[in-house]
Structures are given as structure tokens and as C-alpha cells.
């Protein structure tokens, strides 16, 4: 698992490293650029087959045009001696339609194939939901990656603008989950509305009982989020009848919350990108995923 940190219930952390710089024999190979467009940040991952060789993050700016995307991506690639010629396919999972259009325009400009995770990829994903068209593309990608990499049943907790919990049943189907306000926007709302609370760093406090205002806020925000996840995971495992269902944390704030709980079996910060890559591979192969 590329560059991931595995966090087991015994509290041990095992760092798994993978080669991050491509060798000269792979420079000419066509690669996939996976794009996870969130409300706040956009994650980009460059894949050589199934291997994530580079990843970046940039702000999600709804005013970005194909020109701005072109300039930024050129800069990211040049940092590591790569060029746009190495990208022959772009796959998107996004919640911002206008940016998806701009990324498609950019893909067309560089003559790269493009694919958007969603209803167009339904043939290669497994979703049991009353309205599958309403399921977020990032949630679909998380479910696909969790089932492929960690097995089923599994529970993904994605810490982003919202805290999403995505559930994969024992047959490998996404069946639903939970959505809660994200850790950072909750903190921002508190600071904006509480006159005597200034901006406070998102860190795990030393105690549940905060001895200072800063520690008290961190306890409520970070430990409170961890406790919420623990409670929801317990309820979801009970509903699944799967007390051993694996729990995977992902998203930009996953590592902060993971330090405060032993509920996670795995912390995989690139899970969504890996899911996008897997969906793109299935679409190329046109082999429907059956449970």
C-alpha cells in the first residue's frame, strides 16, 4: 500500500513505504491521473498501473479554468522531471460540476482519455441504494478501494469537509453510511460564533478534561469526533452483524483523529485516489464487478 500508515487496534503503527520516484525505465509509460475533487481540497494522484507514484493537493477553486489547471499541473509534474506526455488518461471523482467540465476540457486539450466516476461507471461498481445517482463519486471510490484492498465487510471513515462514513457489506456492495459536519468546518463555525475563542490548532489534546480553553476546544473537537466515530462504527457493525468489519480512515484529517482512538484498523490517506484508479481500470477492461 503506497506510502500508507497501517494503524491496528492494538495501537501499533507500521509505516509502509513504496518507491515514490519513478526509475528511468518507466518514464515513457502512459499513466493515469486520478482526481478527487472535494469541496475544500483537490487531491491528485499519478498512477503507473496500480502503483501510486506521485500525489499532490491543491485548493478546490471553483473559478479555475482549463488554462489554470494546465499551468498548475505542468508545475507539479516538472517538480519531479515529468511532463504532460506521460498522462494518457484522467479519471475524476468530484462534487463540483463546473470543475469537472474544466478538467474534461483540459484532458481533451492534451489528448487524454477522461472518465467521471458516477452513473457512467455503474457497470463496474456495486451499489445497493434507493437512489444510486445520489451517491457521491468519492464515496463510490472509497467503497471500491476498501473492498479491493481490505476486504468486505468494511467501513470507511473519510475526514474531509464533511465526515463521511461509507459502508460495504459482506457481498462487497456499497449500501449507505452516515454524513456529519467535518472537523475543520465545525471548528471554523465555533470560532466564528464564539467571541472569546480564537483560532486553535487541530491537535489531539493530552487529556479529555481540558485544563485550558485551547485544550477544552481540542477535546470537544478532536476527541468528540473520535467518540462520534466510535459510536457510529459500533452501531454499524451491529446492524451489519459483522463485529469484525474492518474500519479504514482516510481524508486530510484522518491522522489527527486516528491518534485519538483505536477504532481504526487502517489509515490510508490515498484510499479515494486508489478507488478512482481501480474504477478506471475496470472501465478499460469493461469487466463488471460481481459479488
Protein backbone atom coordinates (compact mmCIF):
# COMPACT_ATOMS: atom_id res chain seq x y z
CA UNK A 1 0.00 0.00 0.00
CA UNK A 2 1.73 3.06 -1.34
CA UNK A 3 3.13 5.35 1.31
CA UNK A 4 0.40 4.37 3.78
CA UNK A 5 0.44 4.00 7.55
CA UNK A 6 -1.37 0.98 8.92
CA UNK A 7 -2.94 1.55 12.33
CA UNK A 8 -4.11 -1.61 14.05
CA UNK A 9 -6.47 -1.93 17.03
CA UNK A 10 -3.55 -2.80 19.32
CA UNK A 11 -2.35 0.76 18.78
CA UNK A 12 0.79 -0.24 16.89
CA UNK A 13 1.64 1.80 13.84
CA UNK A 14 3.52 0.25 10.95
CA UNK A 15 4.79 2.55 8.21
CA UNK A 16 4.83 1.01 4.77
CA UNK A 17 6.93 2.80 2.21
CA UNK A 18 6.84 2.44 -1.55
CA UNK A 19 9.08 3.83 -4.25
CA UNK A 20 7.93 7.38 -4.85
CA UNK A 21 10.28 8.40 -7.67
CA UNK A 22 9.95 6.56 -10.95
CA UNK A 23 13.06 5.00 -12.46
CA UNK A 24 14.23 5.72 -15.98
CA UNK A 25 12.67 2.55 -17.40
CA UNK A 26 9.14 3.77 -16.63
CA UNK A 27 9.40 7.41 -17.71
CA UNK A 28 7.91 6.74 -21.14
CA UNK A 29 4.95 4.69 -19.94
CA UNK A 30 1.46 6.19 -20.21
CA UNK A 31 -0.07 6.84 -16.80
CA UNK A 32 -3.40 7.63 -15.19
CA UNK A 33 -4.04 10.90 -13.38
CA UNK A 34 -6.70 10.39 -10.71
CA UNK A 35 -8.53 13.48 -9.44
CA UNK A 36 -10.52 13.63 -6.19
CA UNK A 37 -12.29 17.00 -6.23
CA UNK A 38 -13.58 17.80 -2.76
CA UNK A 39 -15.36 20.92 -1.62
CA UNK A 40 -12.22 22.31 0.01
CA UNK A 41 -9.23 20.50 -1.48
CA UNK A 42 -8.48 18.58 -4.65
CA UNK A 43 -6.19 15.56 -4.42
CA UNK A 44 -4.28 14.40 -7.47
CA UNK A 45 -2.54 11.05 -7.90
CA UNK A 46 -0.36 9.80 -10.74
CA UNK A 47 -0.56 6.04 -11.23
CA UNK A 48 1.74 3.71 -13.14
CA UNK A 49 -0.63 0.74 -13.50
CA UNK A 50 -1.82 0.19 -9.88
CA UNK A 51 1.14 1.94 -8.25
CA UNK A 52 0.69 5.47 -6.95
CA UNK A 53 3.95 7.16 -7.87
CA UNK A 54 3.15 10.80 -7.07
CA UNK A 55 0.41 12.71 -5.29
CA UNK A 56 -0.38 16.37 -4.75
CA UNK A 57 -3.03 18.53 -3.11
CA UNK A 58 -4.31 21.89 -4.23
CA UNK A 59 -7.22 24.10 -3.17
CA UNK A 60 -10.58 23.49 -4.80
CA UNK A 61 -11.21 26.79 -6.54
CA UNK A 62 -14.45 26.93 -8.50
CA UNK A 63 -13.06 29.74 -10.65
CA UNK A 64 -10.27 27.55 -12.09
CA UNK A 65 -10.34 27.23 -15.86
CA UNK A 66 -8.70 24.61 -18.06
CA UNK A 67 -5.85 27.11 -18.54
CA UNK A 68 -5.24 27.40 -14.79
CA UNK A 69 -5.37 23.62 -14.39
CA UNK A 70 -2.86 23.28 -17.24
CA UNK A 71 -0.39 25.66 -15.64
CA UNK A 72 -0.66 24.10 -12.17
CA UNK A 73 -0.29 20.53 -13.38
CA UNK A 74 2.70 21.45 -15.51
CA UNK A 75 4.37 22.83 -12.40
CA UNK A 76 3.59 19.77 -10.28
CA UNK A 77 4.99 17.40 -12.90
CA UNK A 78 8.11 19.43 -13.58
CA UNK A 79 8.99 19.28 -9.88
CA UNK A 80 9.83 15.60 -10.49
CA UNK A 81 11.12 15.72 -14.04
CA UNK A 82 7.83 14.59 -15.59
CA UNK A 83 5.81 16.05 -18.46
CA UNK A 84 2.19 16.04 -19.57
CA UNK A 85 3.08 13.48 -22.23
CA UNK A 86 3.15 10.81 -19.51
CA UNK A 87 -0.59 11.31 -18.83
CA UNK A 88 -2.81 9.41 -21.23
CA UNK A 89 -5.93 9.10 -19.05
CA UNK A 90 -7.64 11.28 -16.44
CA UNK A 91 -10.28 9.93 -14.06
CA UNK A 92 -12.40 12.21 -11.86
CA UNK A 93 -14.43 11.83 -8.71
CA UNK A 94 -15.86 15.22 -8.00
CA UNK A 95 -18.57 17.14 -6.19
CA UNK A 96 -18.05 20.37 -8.19
CA UNK A 97 -19.67 20.02 -11.65
CA UNK A 98 -18.14 23.18 -13.12
CA UNK A 99 -14.63 21.96 -12.28
CA UNK A 100 -15.35 18.56 -13.80
CA UNK A 101 -16.14 20.36 -17.06
CA UNK A 102 -12.84 22.26 -16.91
CA UNK A 103 -10.87 19.07 -16.20
CA UNK A 104 -12.59 17.40 -19.16
CA UNK A 105 -11.61 20.34 -21.35
CA UNK A 106 -8.02 20.04 -20.13
CA UNK A 107 -8.00 16.29 -20.84
CA UNK A 108 -9.23 16.94 -24.37
CA UNK A 109 -6.53 19.56 -24.83
CA UNK A 110 -3.74 17.09 -24.03
CA UNK A 111 -5.47 14.25 -25.94
CA UNK A 112 -6.01 12.17 -22.79
CA UNK A 113 -8.99 9.89 -22.28
CA UNK A 114 -11.30 11.05 -19.49
CA UNK A 115 -13.81 9.32 -17.27
CA UNK A 116 -16.02 10.56 -14.44
CA UNK A 117 -16.91 8.24 -11.56
CA UNK A 118 -20.68 8.04 -11.14
CA UNK A 119 -23.56 6.71 -13.18
CA UNK A 120 -21.27 6.38 -16.22
CA UNK A 121 -19.22 3.82 -14.29
CA UNK A 122 -22.16 1.99 -12.69
CA UNK A 123 -21.48 -1.16 -14.73
CA UNK A 124 -18.20 -1.77 -12.87
CA UNK A 125 -19.24 -0.78 -9.34
CA UNK A 126 -21.62 -2.38 -6.84
CA UNK A 127 -24.17 -0.08 -5.20
CA UNK A 128 -27.28 -1.09 -3.28
CA UNK A 129 -29.02 2.21 -2.56
CA UNK A 130 -32.54 3.55 -3.20
CA UNK A 131 -31.15 6.36 -5.37
CA UNK A 132 -27.70 5.34 -6.66
CA UNK A 133 -27.48 8.51 -8.74
CA UNK A 134 -27.31 10.50 -5.47
CA UNK A 135 -24.28 8.64 -4.08
CA UNK A 136 -21.18 10.86 -4.17
CA UNK A 137 -18.41 9.83 -6.52
CA UNK A 138 -15.87 9.96 -3.71
CA UNK A 139 -17.98 7.57 -1.64
CA UNK A 140 -18.18 5.13 -4.56
CA UNK A 141 -14.39 5.29 -4.98
CA UNK A 142 -13.86 4.71 -1.25
CA UNK A 143 -16.12 1.66 -1.28
CA UNK A 144 -14.39 0.17 -4.32
CA UNK A 145 -10.92 0.67 -2.85
CA UNK A 146 -11.91 -0.63 0.59
CA UNK A 147 -13.37 -3.84 -0.84
CA UNK A 148 -10.42 -4.43 -3.15
CA UNK A 149 -7.62 -3.63 -0.72
CA UNK A 150 -9.05 -4.56 2.68
CA UNK A 151 -11.95 -6.90 2.02
CA UNK A 152 -15.62 -6.93 2.91
CA UNK A 153 -17.45 -6.08 5.02
CA UNK A 154 -15.67 -2.82 5.71
CA UNK A 155 -16.36 0.69 6.94
CA UNK A 156 -14.60 3.77 5.54
CA UNK A 157 -14.42 7.00 7.55
CA UNK A 158 -13.43 9.90 5.29
CA UNK A 159 -12.41 13.06 7.14
CA UNK A 160 -12.90 15.97 4.76
CA UNK A 161 -15.19 18.99 4.55
CA UNK A 162 -17.79 16.54 5.82
CA UNK A 163 -17.04 13.40 7.80
CA UNK A 164 -18.43 10.62 5.61
CA UNK A 165 -18.86 7.04 6.75
CA UNK A 166 -19.22 4.60 3.86
CA UNK A 167 -20.33 1.01 4.44
CA UNK A 168 -19.50 -2.03 2.30
CA UNK A 169 -21.49 -5.18 3.09
CA UNK A 170 -20.20 -8.75 3.13
CA UNK A 171 -21.01 -9.13 -0.59
CA UNK A 172 -18.86 -6.12 -1.50
CA UNK A 173 -21.70 -3.69 -2.14
CA UNK A 174 -21.82 -0.07 -1.03
CA UNK A 175 -25.06 0.12 0.98
CA UNK A 176 -25.00 3.59 2.57
CA UNK A 177 -23.48 5.21 5.62
CA UNK A 178 -23.54 8.48 7.52
CA UNK A 179 -22.61 12.12 6.89
CA UNK A 180 -21.65 14.55 9.66
CA UNK A 181 -20.16 18.06 9.67
CA UNK A 182 -16.41 17.93 9.14
CA UNK A 183 -13.92 18.59 11.90
CA UNK A 184 -12.49 21.74 10.36
CA UNK A 185 -15.77 23.40 9.44
CA UNK A 186 -17.09 22.64 12.92
CA UNK A 187 -14.06 24.39 14.38
CA UNK A 188 -14.43 27.31 11.97
CA UNK A 189 -18.10 27.71 12.94
CA UNK A 190 -17.23 27.69 16.64
CA UNK A 191 -14.51 30.31 16.24
CA UNK A 192 -16.77 32.49 14.08
CA UNK A 193 -19.65 32.44 16.57
CA UNK A 194 -17.87 32.37 19.93
CA UNK A 195 -16.41 35.82 20.54
CA UNK A 196 -13.82 34.72 23.11
CA UNK A 197 -12.48 31.71 21.23
CA UNK A 198 -9.65 32.39 18.81
CA UNK A 199 -8.37 30.10 16.10
CA UNK A 200 -7.00 26.94 17.71
CA UNK A 201 -4.76 24.30 16.08
CA UNK A 202 -6.36 20.95 15.32
CA UNK A 203 -4.33 18.66 17.55
CA UNK A 204 -5.01 15.79 19.91
CA UNK A 205 -5.12 17.20 23.45
CA UNK A 206 -3.25 15.46 26.28
CA UNK A 207 -6.43 14.89 28.31
CA UNK A 208 -10.16 14.59 27.76
CA UNK A 209 -10.55 17.16 30.55
CA UNK A 210 -9.14 20.32 29.02
CA UNK A 211 -7.17 22.39 31.51
CA UNK A 212 -7.18 25.46 29.27
CA UNK A 213 -9.65 26.87 26.76
CA UNK A 214 -7.45 25.62 23.94
CA UNK A 215 -7.32 22.10 25.34
CA UNK A 216 -11.05 22.13 26.05
CA UNK A 217 -11.86 23.06 22.47
CA UNK A 218 -9.44 20.44 21.13
CA UNK A 219 -11.03 17.85 23.39
CA UNK A 220 -14.50 18.68 22.17
CA UNK A 221 -13.49 18.83 18.52
CA UNK A 222 -10.90 16.07 18.10
CA UNK A 223 -11.84 13.65 20.88
CA UNK A 224 -15.51 14.40 20.27
CA UNK A 225 -15.11 13.44 16.61
CA UNK A 226 -13.27 10.27 17.61
CA UNK A 227 -16.04 9.37 20.07
CA UNK A 228 -18.70 10.01 17.42
CA UNK A 229 -16.91 7.70 15.00
CA UNK A 230 -16.51 5.01 17.67
CA UNK A 231 -20.23 5.18 18.43
CA UNK A 232 -21.34 5.07 14.80
CA UNK A 233 -18.92 2.28 13.92
CA UNK A 234 -20.28 0.22 16.81
CA UNK A 235 -23.85 0.73 15.65
CA UNK A 236 -22.97 -0.02 12.01
CA UNK A 237 -21.13 -3.22 12.93
CA UNK A 238 -24.18 -4.30 14.92
CA UNK A 239 -26.55 -3.58 12.02
CA UNK A 240 -24.26 -5.47 9.64
CA UNK A 241 -23.97 -8.36 12.07
CA UNK A 242 -20.23 -8.04 11.48
CA UNK A 243 -18.39 -7.12 14.69
CA UNK A 244 -15.04 -7.67 12.95
CA UNK A 245 -15.73 -5.44 9.93
CA UNK A 246 -12.54 -3.58 9.10
CA UNK A 247 -12.50 0.17 9.62
CA UNK A 248 -10.40 2.36 7.33
CA UNK A 249 -9.68 6.04 7.93
CA UNK A 250 -8.90 8.36 5.04
CA UNK A 251 -9.04 12.05 4.17
CA UNK A 252 -6.89 15.03 5.01
CA UNK A 253 -7.65 14.99 8.75
CA UNK A 254 -7.57 11.22 9.28
CA UNK A 255 -4.19 11.12 11.00
CA UNK A 256 -5.29 13.66 13.64
CA UNK A 257 -8.34 11.66 14.69
CA UNK A 258 -6.52 8.32 14.39
CA UNK A 259 -4.17 9.44 17.17
CA UNK A 260 -7.17 9.69 19.48
CA UNK A 261 -8.83 6.30 19.04
CA UNK A 262 -8.11 2.63 18.43
CA UNK A 263 -11.22 2.10 16.30
CA UNK A 264 -9.30 2.14 13.01
CA UNK A 265 -7.64 -0.93 11.55
CA UNK A 266 -6.01 1.02 8.74
CA UNK A 267 -5.18 4.63 7.95
CA UNK A 268 -4.89 5.06 4.18
CA UNK A 269 -4.70 8.70 3.16
CA UNK A 270 -4.84 7.84 -0.55
CA UNK A 271 -7.83 5.49 -0.46
CA UNK A 272 -10.08 7.62 -2.67
CA UNK A 273 -7.41 8.02 -5.35
CA UNK A 274 -6.80 4.27 -5.32
CA UNK A 275 -10.51 3.68 -5.77
CA UNK A 276 -10.65 6.06 -8.71
CA UNK A 277 -7.70 4.22 -10.26
CA UNK A 278 -9.41 0.85 -9.80
CA UNK A 279 -12.66 2.08 -11.34
CA UNK A 280 -10.76 3.45 -14.34
CA UNK A 281 -9.01 0.10 -14.76
CA UNK A 282 -12.33 -1.76 -14.69
CA UNK A 283 -13.78 0.61 -17.27
CA UNK A 284 -10.83 -0.04 -19.55
CA UNK A 285 -11.27 -3.77 -19.12
CA UNK A 286 -15.08 -3.45 -19.28
CA UNK A 287 -15.45 -6.31 -16.85
CA UNK A 288 -18.41 -5.69 -14.49
CA UNK A 289 -17.62 -6.29 -10.83
CA UNK A 290 -19.92 -9.02 -9.49
CA UNK A 291 -20.12 -10.08 -5.88
